[in-house]
Amino acid sequence: MIFALAAAAVAAASPCPDLVTPDALVCRALEAQKSGDNEAAAQAFEEAAKASSDKDPKTARMYAAAGNLWIAADRPGKAALDFDRALALPGLEAEQRGEALLDRARAAEAQGDYKTARAKADEAAATISDDPFYWYFSAALAIREGDHSRATASIGKALTLAPSDPAVLLEAGYVADFNGDEDSARGYWRRAAEADPNGPAGKAAAKAAEMAGVTPAVKAEATPPKPEPKPAQPRS
């Protein structure tokens, strides 16, 4: 969520200078991210942060950028370490801090640490409770926690904030299915598929609707995993 903030904070020249400085490392991180190499981008942002002063507000944002890219690279353990570093430093205020806390929760959830994920998500609510992605994530996490009432309440808030978002509709279907309401689940999935027929959420919803009512063993084998929630756009 926050790597664009680091990009805005440090003007990167192209081509990147052959130096070991924070600016040069950020430049390399942005180039790697642009080429799709999330792991190299994360490593470069992390190195840029380590080469910077802890008193510089940009340092926290560079650690947060590294954390997001480690998540994208499927390295949640490394992401968690960089988010912890970012949150321990000055530089992330108000919504930026809330987004970093939510991303830390995402890293914990990816590691199966649902207790930490919920604690960080609850802390994030103080500043980003108007973000539908926050409630989307809360609903998905509640399913993993086995908490029916929280899953229902969270997806309800997400739907209030973003009633036509295909990712939210997809998750609403999973919550309804989790609660044993297959008719509502199919309805949400069909709406998601219609709203985003060629996108990942729409395709996952169409597959989920197709598998609704199939015996659990077959359904578990045939249904693809839910896609990662799309990060909210970074705020300046």
C-alpha atoms as a PDB file:
ATOM      1  CA  MET A   1       0.000   0.000   0.000  1.00  0.00           C
ATOM      2  CA  ILE A   2       2.759   2.429   0.868  1.00  0.00           C
ATOM      3  CA  PHE A   3       5.590   1.801  -1.601  1.00  0.00           C
ATOM      4  CA  ALA A   4       4.308   4.637  -3.809  1.00  0.00           C
ATOM      5  CA  LEU A   5       4.762   6.994  -0.868  1.00  0.00           C
ATOM      6  CA  ALA A   6       8.431   6.097  -0.772  1.00  0.00           C
ATOM      7  CA  ALA A   7       8.622   6.599  -4.517  1.00  0.00           C
ATOM      8  CA  ALA A   8       7.161  10.076  -4.165  1.00  0.00           C
ATOM      9  CA  ALA A   9       9.468  10.868  -1.276  1.00  0.00           C
ATOM     10  CA  VAL A  10      12.682  10.106  -3.202  1.00  0.00           C
ATOM     11  CA  ALA A  11      13.108  11.298  -6.762  1.00  0.00           C
ATOM     12  CA  ALA A  12      14.713   8.433  -8.665  1.00  0.00           C
ATOM     13  CA  ALA A  13      16.800   9.163 -11.737  1.00  0.00           C
ATOM     14  CA  SER A  14      16.931   6.749 -14.653  1.00  0.00           C
ATOM     15  CA  PRO A  15      19.164   4.946 -15.202  1.00  0.00           C
ATOM     16  CA  CYS A  16      19.923   4.359 -11.547  1.00  0.00           C
ATOM     17  CA  PRO A  17      23.325   5.594 -10.362  1.00  0.00           C
ATOM     18  CA  ASP A  18      25.882   2.917  -9.536  1.00  0.00           C
ATOM     19  CA  LEU A  19      26.128   3.989  -5.903  1.00  0.00           C
ATOM     20  CA  VAL A  20      25.162   2.525  -2.531  1.00  0.00           C
ATOM     21  CA  THR A  21      23.045   5.415  -1.319  1.00  0.00           C
ATOM     22  CA  PRO A  22      19.387   5.504  -0.228  1.00  0.00           C
ATOM     23  CA  ASP A  23      18.375   7.371  -3.392  1.00  0.00           C
ATOM     24  CA  ALA A  24      20.180   4.917  -5.662  1.00  0.00           C
ATOM     25  CA  LEU A  25      18.742   1.922  -3.819  1.00  0.00           C
ATOM     26  CA  VAL A  26      15.211   3.324  -4.046  1.00  0.00           C
ATOM     27  CA  CYS A  27      15.762   3.875  -7.749  1.00  0.00           C
ATOM     28  CA  ARG A  28      16.742   0.201  -8.123  1.00  0.00           C
ATOM     29  CA  ALA A  29      13.749  -0.852  -6.044  1.00  0.00           C
ATOM     30  CA  LEU A  30      11.366   1.050  -8.314  1.00  0.00           C
ATOM     31  CA  GLU A  31      12.990  -0.399 -11.431  1.00  0.00           C
ATOM     32  CA  ALA A  32      12.735  -3.940 -10.031  1.00  0.00           C
ATOM     33  CA  GLN A  33       9.127  -3.387  -9.015  1.00  0.00           C
ATOM     34  CA  LYS A  34       8.312  -2.048 -12.486  1.00  0.00           C
ATOM     35  CA  SER A  35       9.808  -5.189 -14.058  1.00  0.00           C
ATOM     36  CA  GLY A  36       7.773  -7.460 -11.779  1.00  0.00           C
ATOM     37  CA  ASP A  37      10.644  -8.637  -9.574  1.00  0.00           C
ATOM     38  CA  ASN A  38       8.957  -8.070  -6.214  1.00  0.00           C
ATOM     39  CA  GLU A  39      11.638  -9.842  -4.196  1.00  0.00           C
ATOM     40  CA  ALA A  40      14.464  -7.719  -5.623  1.00  0.00           C
ATOM     41  CA  ALA A  41      12.368  -4.584  -5.134  1.00  0.00           C
ATOM     42  CA  ALA A  42      11.660  -5.499  -1.517  1.00  0.00           C
ATOM     43  CA  GLN A  43      15.335  -6.164  -0.849  1.00  0.00           C
ATOM     44  CA  ALA A  44      16.360  -2.831  -2.381  1.00  0.00           C
ATOM     45  CA  PHE A  45      13.786  -0.870  -0.377  1.00  0.00           C
ATOM     46  CA  GLU A  46      14.945  -2.649   2.778  1.00  0.00           C
ATOM     47  CA  GLU A  47      18.584  -1.830   2.038  1.00  0.00           C
ATOM     48  CA  ALA A  48      17.650   1.793   1.338  1.00  0.00           C
ATOM     49  CA  ALA A  49      15.913   2.004   4.703  1.00  0.00           C
ATOM     50  CA  LYS A  50      18.902   0.485   6.504  1.00  0.00           C
ATOM     51  CA  ALA A  51      21.177   3.031   4.829  1.00  0.00           C
ATOM     52  CA  SER A  52      18.992   5.915   6.011  1.00  0.00           C
ATOM     53  CA  SER A  53      18.638   7.679   9.334  1.00  0.00           C
ATOM     54  CA  ASP A  54      15.995   6.320  11.694  1.00  0.00           C
ATOM     55  CA  LYS A  55      15.002   9.944  12.354  1.00  0.00           C
ATOM     56  CA  ASP A  56      14.091  10.535   8.701  1.00  0.00           C
ATOM     57  CA  PRO A  57      10.335   9.969   8.170  1.00  0.00           C
ATOM     58  CA  LYS A  58      11.080   8.456   4.751  1.00  0.00           C
ATOM     59  CA  THR A  59      12.846   5.523   6.421  1.00  0.00           C
ATOM     60  CA  ALA A  60       9.624   4.151   7.905  1.00  0.00           C
ATOM     61  CA  ARG A  61       7.919   4.481   4.533  1.00  0.00           C
ATOM     62  CA  MET A  62      10.745   2.586   2.825  1.00  0.00           C
ATOM     63  CA  TYR A  63      10.430  -0.257   5.340  1.00  0.00           C
ATOM     64  CA  ALA A  64       6.668  -0.298   4.734  1.00  0.00           C
ATOM     65  CA  ALA A  65       7.279  -0.387   0.986  1.00  0.00           C
ATOM     66  CA  ALA A  66       9.621  -3.341   1.473  1.00  0.00           C
ATOM     67  CA  GLY A  67       6.983  -5.098   3.575  1.00  0.00           C
ATOM     68  CA  ASN A  68       4.327  -4.759   0.886  1.00  0.00           C
ATOM     69  CA  LEU A  69       6.650  -6.123  -1.751  1.00  0.00           C
ATOM     70  CA  TRP A  70       7.690  -9.042   0.480  1.00  0.00           C
ATOM     71  CA  ILE A  71       3.986  -9.915   0.747  1.00  0.00           C
ATOM     72  CA  ALA A  72       3.712  -9.750  -3.048  1.00  0.00           C
ATOM     73  CA  ALA A  73       6.761 -12.029  -3.247  1.00  0.00           C
ATOM     74  CA  ASP A  74       5.059 -14.535  -0.888  1.00  0.00           C
ATOM     75  CA  ARG A  75       7.576 -13.895   1.910  1.00  0.00           C
ATOM     76  CA  PRO A  76       5.279 -12.925   4.801  1.00  0.00           C
ATOM     77  CA  GLY A  77       7.900 -13.551   7.475  1.00  0.00           C
ATOM     78  CA  LYS A  78      10.237 -10.959   5.967  1.00  0.00           C
ATOM     79  CA  ALA A  79       7.269  -8.653   5.438  1.00  0.00           C
ATOM     80  CA  ALA A  80       6.343  -8.859   9.115  1.00  0.00           C
ATOM     81  CA  LEU A  81       9.876  -7.854  10.175  1.00  0.00           C
ATOM     82  CA  ASP A  82       9.912  -4.805   7.907  1.00  0.00           C
ATOM     83  CA  PHE A  83       6.436  -3.681   8.963  1.00  0.00           C
ATOM     84  CA  ASP A  84       7.510  -3.957  12.604  1.00  0.00           C
ATOM     85  CA  ARG A  85      10.523  -1.788  11.817  1.00  0.00           C
ATOM     86  CA  ALA A  86       8.330   0.752  10.003  1.00  0.00           C
ATOM     87  CA  LEU A  87       5.838   0.955  12.844  1.00  0.00           C
ATOM     88  CA  ALA A  88       8.591   1.440  15.425  1.00  0.00           C
ATOM     89  CA  LEU A  89       9.930   4.536  13.652  1.00  0.00           C
ATOM     90  CA  PRO A  90       8.551   8.053  13.191  1.00  0.00           C
ATOM     91  CA  GLY A  91       7.112   8.815   9.781  1.00  0.00           C
ATOM     92  CA  LEU A  92       3.825   6.936   9.538  1.00  0.00           C
ATOM     93  CA  GLU A  93       0.973   9.107  10.738  1.00  0.00           C
ATOM     94  CA  ALA A  94      -2.818   8.756  10.775  1.00  0.00           C
ATOM     95  CA  GLU A  95      -4.031   6.761   7.751  1.00  0.00           C
ATOM     96  CA  GLN A  96      -0.502   5.821   6.692  1.00  0.00           C
ATOM     97  CA  ARG A  97       0.033   4.148  10.050  1.00  0.00           C
ATOM     98  CA  GLY A  98      -3.354   2.462   9.850  1.00  0.00           C
ATOM     99  CA  GLU A  99      -2.519   1.055   6.433  1.00  0.00           C
ATOM    100  CA  ALA A 100       0.830  -0.232   7.696  1.00  0.00           C
ATOM    101  CA  LEU A 101      -0.913  -1.903  10.643  1.00  0.00           C
ATOM    102  CA  LEU A 102      -3.372  -3.540   8.268  1.00  0.00           C
ATOM    103  CA  ASP A 103      -0.515  -4.739   6.077  1.00  0.00           C
ATOM    104  CA  ARG A 104       1.183  -6.129   9.187  1.00  0.00           C
ATOM    105  CA  ALA A 105      -2.063  -7.983   9.865  1.00  0.00           C
ATOM    106  CA  ARG A 106      -1.992  -9.351   6.320  1.00  0.00           C
ATOM    107  CA  ALA A 107       1.527 -10.658   6.886  1.00  0.00           C
ATOM    108  CA  ALA A 108       0.484 -12.344  10.132  1.00  0.00           C
ATOM    109  CA  GLU A 109      -2.584 -13.886   8.479  1.00  0.00           C
ATOM    110  CA  ALA A 110      -0.396 -15.287   5.700  1.00  0.00           C
ATOM    111  CA  GLN A 111       1.745 -16.943   8.390  1.00  0.00           C
ATOM    112  CA  GLY A 112      -1.310 -18.458  10.081  1.00  0.00           C
ATOM    113  CA  ASP A 113      -0.882 -16.189  13.120  1.00  0.00           C
ATOM    114  CA  TYR A 114      -4.505 -15.131  13.410  1.00  0.00           C
ATOM    115  CA  LYS A 115      -4.162 -13.736  16.925  1.00  0.00           C
ATOM    116  CA  THR A 116      -1.563 -11.180  15.822  1.00  0.00           C
ATOM    117  CA  ALA A 117      -3.481 -10.508  12.614  1.00  0.00           C
ATOM    118  CA  ARG A 118      -6.627  -9.615  14.552  1.00  0.00           C
ATOM    119  CA  ALA A 119      -4.749  -7.474  17.075  1.00  0.00           C
ATOM    120  CA  LYS A 120      -3.060  -5.441  14.335  1.00  0.00           C
ATOM    121  CA  ALA A 121      -6.271  -5.139  12.327  1.00  0.00           C
ATOM    122  CA  ASP A 122      -8.184  -3.917  15.380  1.00  0.00           C
ATOM    123  CA  GLU A 123      -5.479  -1.323  16.016  1.00  0.00           C
ATOM    124  CA  ALA A 124      -5.690  -0.171  12.392  1.00  0.00           C
ATOM    125  CA  ALA A 125      -9.423   0.483  12.681  1.00  0.00           C
ATOM    126  CA  ALA A 126      -8.782   3.694  14.598  1.00  0.00           C
ATOM    127  CA  THR A 127      -7.717   5.474  11.406  1.00  0.00           C
ATOM    128  CA  ILE A 128      -8.949   3.434   8.410  1.00  0.00           C
ATOM    129  CA  SER A 129     -12.409   2.235   9.387  1.00  0.00           C
ATOM    130  CA  ASP A 130     -13.824   3.999   6.309  1.00  0.00           C
ATOM    131  CA  ASP A 131     -11.765   1.785   3.984  1.00  0.00           C
ATOM    132  CA  PRO A 132     -13.821  -1.105   2.537  1.00  0.00           C
ATOM    133  CA  PHE A 133     -10.654  -3.148   2.151  1.00  0.00           C
ATOM    134  CA  TYR A 134     -10.208  -3.038   5.925  1.00  0.00           C
ATOM    135  CA  TRP A 135     -13.614  -4.669   6.423  1.00  0.00           C
ATOM    136  CA  TYR A 136     -12.994  -7.076   3.529  1.00  0.00           C
ATOM    137  CA  PHE A 137      -9.867  -8.284   5.266  1.00  0.00           C
ATOM    138  CA  SER A 138     -11.615  -8.424   8.640  1.00  0.00           C
ATOM    139  CA  ALA A 139     -14.335 -10.644   7.175  1.00  0.00           C
ATOM    140  CA  ALA A 140     -11.826 -12.982   5.528  1.00  0.00           C
ATOM    141  CA  LEU A 141      -9.848 -13.205   8.759  1.00  0.00           C
ATOM    142  CA  ALA A 142     -13.005 -13.915  10.765  1.00  0.00           C
ATOM    143  CA  ILE A 143     -13.701 -16.936   8.550  1.00  0.00           C
ATOM    144  CA  ARG A 144     -10.243 -18.285   9.390  1.00  0.00           C
ATOM    145  CA  GLU A 145     -10.927 -17.583  13.061  1.00  0.00           C
ATOM    146  CA  GLY A 146     -14.255 -19.431  12.852  1.00  0.00           C
ATOM    147  CA  ASP A 147     -16.117 -16.315  14.034  1.00  0.00           C
ATOM    148  CA  HIS A 148     -19.489 -16.248  12.258  1.00  0.00           C
ATOM    149  CA  SER A 149     -20.835 -13.089  13.858  1.00  0.00           C
ATOM    150  CA  ARG A 150     -17.693 -11.047  13.157  1.00  0.00           C
ATOM    151  CA  ALA A 151     -17.494 -12.272   9.577  1.00  0.00           C
ATOM    152  CA  THR A 152     -21.116 -11.238   9.017  1.00  0.00           C
ATOM    153  CA  ALA A 153     -20.708  -7.812  10.630  1.00  0.00           C
ATOM    154  CA  SER A 154     -17.450  -7.067   8.812  1.00  0.00           C
ATOM    155  CA  ILE A 155     -18.682  -7.988   5.347  1.00  0.00           C
ATOM    156  CA  GLY A 156     -21.828  -5.982   6.007  1.00  0.00           C
ATOM    157  CA  LYS A 157     -19.717  -2.871   6.570  1.00  0.00           C
ATOM    158  CA  ALA A 158     -17.641  -3.599   3.477  1.00  0.00           C
ATOM    159  CA  LEU A 159     -20.804  -3.891   1.397  1.00  0.00           C
ATOM    160  CA  THR A 160     -22.101  -0.604   2.797  1.00  0.00           C
ATOM    161  CA  LEU A 161     -18.903   1.163   1.745  1.00  0.00           C
ATOM    162  CA  ALA A 162     -18.406  -0.592  -1.617  1.00  0.00           C
ATOM    163  CA  PRO A 163     -21.639  -2.373  -2.613  1.00  0.00           C
ATOM    164  CA  SER A 164     -20.611  -3.051  -6.221  1.00  0.00           C
ATOM    165  CA  ASP A 165     -16.920  -3.881  -5.739  1.00  0.00           C
ATOM    166  CA  PRO A 166     -16.410  -7.392  -7.198  1.00  0.00           C
ATOM    167  CA  ALA A 167     -13.809  -8.339  -4.577  1.00  0.00           C
ATOM    168  CA  VAL A 168     -16.185  -7.361  -1.779  1.00  0.00           C
ATOM    169  CA  LEU A 169     -19.025  -9.283  -3.454  1.00  0.00           C
ATOM    170  CA  LEU A 170     -16.749 -12.305  -3.790  1.00  0.00           C
ATOM    171  CA  GLU A 171     -15.949 -12.195  -0.088  1.00  0.00           C
ATOM    172  CA  ALA A 172     -19.621 -11.676   0.753  1.00  0.00           C
ATOM    173  CA  GLY A 173     -20.285 -14.949  -1.018  1.00  0.00           C
ATOM    174  CA  TYR A 174     -17.641 -16.713   1.046  1.00  0.00           C
ATOM    175  CA  VAL A 175     -19.140 -15.302   4.251  1.00  0.00           C
ATOM    176  CA  ALA A 176     -22.647 -16.411   3.257  1.00  0.00           C
ATOM    177  CA  ASP A 177     -21.303 -19.868   2.407  1.00  0.00           C
ATOM    178  CA  PHE A 178     -19.441 -19.927   5.743  1.00  0.00           C
ATOM    179  CA  ASN A 179     -22.784 -19.203   7.432  1.00  0.00           C
ATOM    180  CA  GLY A 180     -24.517 -22.000   5.524  1.00  0.00           C
ATOM    181  CA  ASP A 181     -26.601 -19.716   3.283  1.00  0.00           C
ATOM    182  CA  GLU A 182     -25.863 -21.148  -0.153  1.00  0.00           C
ATOM    183  CA  ASP A 183     -28.570 -19.166  -1.938  1.00  0.00           C
ATOM    184  CA  SER A 184     -27.121 -15.847  -0.777  1.00  0.00           C
ATOM    185  CA  ALA A 185     -23.614 -17.055  -1.525  1.00  0.00           C
ATOM    186  CA  ARG A 186     -24.535 -17.886  -5.105  1.00  0.00           C
ATOM    187  CA  GLY A 187     -26.249 -14.516  -5.464  1.00  0.00           C
ATOM    188  CA  TYR A 188     -23.167 -12.590  -4.342  1.00  0.00           C
ATOM    189  CA  TRP A 189     -20.892 -14.680  -6.530  1.00  0.00           C
ATOM    190  CA  ARG A 190     -23.074 -14.154  -9.589  1.00  0.00           C
ATOM    191  CA  ARG A 191     -23.069 -10.407  -8.997  1.00  0.00           C
ATOM    192  CA  ALA A 192     -19.280 -10.425  -8.645  1.00  0.00           C
ATOM    193  CA  ALA A 193     -18.889 -12.458 -11.837  1.00  0.00           C
ATOM    194  CA  GLU A 194     -21.154 -10.059 -13.738  1.00  0.00           C
ATOM    195  CA  ALA A 195     -19.299  -7.005 -12.403  1.00  0.00           C
ATOM    196  CA  ASP A 196     -15.829  -8.342 -13.241  1.00  0.00           C
ATOM    197  CA  PRO A 197     -16.178 -11.129 -15.841  1.00  0.00           C
ATOM    198  CA  ASN A 198     -12.545 -11.042 -16.959  1.00  0.00           C
ATOM    199  CA  GLY A 199     -10.859 -10.098 -13.686  1.00  0.00           C
ATOM    200  CA  PRO A 200      -9.535 -12.336 -10.910  1.00  0.00           C
ATOM    201  CA  ALA A 201     -12.427 -11.625  -8.525  1.00  0.00           C
ATOM    202  CA  GLY A 202     -15.046 -12.275 -11.199  1.00  0.00           C
ATOM    203  CA  LYS A 203     -13.411 -15.479 -12.349  1.00  0.00           C
ATOM    204  CA  ALA A 204     -13.061 -16.762  -8.773  1.00  0.00           C
ATOM    205  CA  ALA A 205     -16.703 -15.867  -8.109  1.00  0.00           C
ATOM    206  CA  ALA A 206     -17.909 -17.674 -11.239  1.00  0.00           C
ATOM    207  CA  LYS A 207     -15.980 -20.781 -10.194  1.00  0.00           C
ATOM    208  CA  ALA A 208     -17.310 -20.578  -6.639  1.00  0.00           C
ATOM    209  CA  ALA A 209     -20.890 -20.253  -7.906  1.00  0.00           C
ATOM    210  CA  GLU A 210     -20.338 -23.236 -10.177  1.00  0.00           C
ATOM    211  CA  MET A 211     -19.119 -25.328  -7.250  1.00  0.00           C
ATOM    212  CA  ALA A 212     -21.863 -24.247  -4.825  1.00  0.00           C
ATOM    213  CA  GLY A 213     -23.838 -27.257  -3.722  1.00  0.00           C
ATOM    214  CA  VAL A 214     -21.149 -29.728  -4.790  1.00  0.00           C
ATOM    215  CA  THR A 215     -20.116 -32.231  -2.149  1.00  0.00           C
ATOM    216  CA  PRO A 216     -17.510 -30.760   0.241  1.00  0.00           C
ATOM    217  CA  ALA A 217     -14.685 -33.103  -0.791  1.00  0.00           C
ATOM    218  CA  VAL A 218     -15.044 -32.299  -4.475  1.00  0.00           C
ATOM    219  CA  LYS A 219     -15.600 -28.620  -3.744  1.00  0.00           C
ATOM    220  CA  ALA A 220     -12.418 -28.368  -1.665  1.00  0.00           C
ATOM    221  CA  GLU A 221     -10.403 -29.984  -4.436  1.00  0.00           C
ATOM    222  CA  ALA A 222     -11.860 -28.012  -7.327  1.00  0.00           C
ATOM    223  CA  THR A 223     -12.354 -24.527  -5.946  1.00  0.00           C
ATOM    224  CA  PRO A 224      -9.302 -22.290  -6.437  1.00  0.00           C
ATOM    225  CA  PRO A 225      -7.987 -20.394  -3.418  1.00  0.00           C
ATOM    226  CA  LYS A 226      -9.331 -16.937  -2.828  1.00  0.00           C
ATOM    227  CA  PRO A 227      -7.182 -14.231  -4.371  1.00  0.00           C
ATOM    228  CA  GLU A 228      -5.299 -11.813  -2.162  1.00  0.00           C
ATOM    229  CA  PRO A 229      -7.354  -8.702  -1.456  1.00  0.00           C
ATOM    230  CA  LYS A 230      -6.332  -5.828  -3.695  1.00  0.00           C
ATOM    231  CA  PRO A 231      -4.406  -3.185  -1.769  1.00  0.00           C
ATOM    232  CA  ALA A 232      -6.097   0.167  -1.380  1.00  0.00           C
ATOM    233  CA  GLN A 233      -4.538   2.983  -3.358  1.00  0.00           C
ATOM    234  CA  PRO A 234      -1.822   4.724  -1.327  1.00  0.00           C
ATOM    235  CA  ARG A 235      -2.759   8.099   0.030  1.00  0.00           C
ATOM    236  CA  SER A 236      -0.411  11.044  -0.318  1.00  0.00           C
END
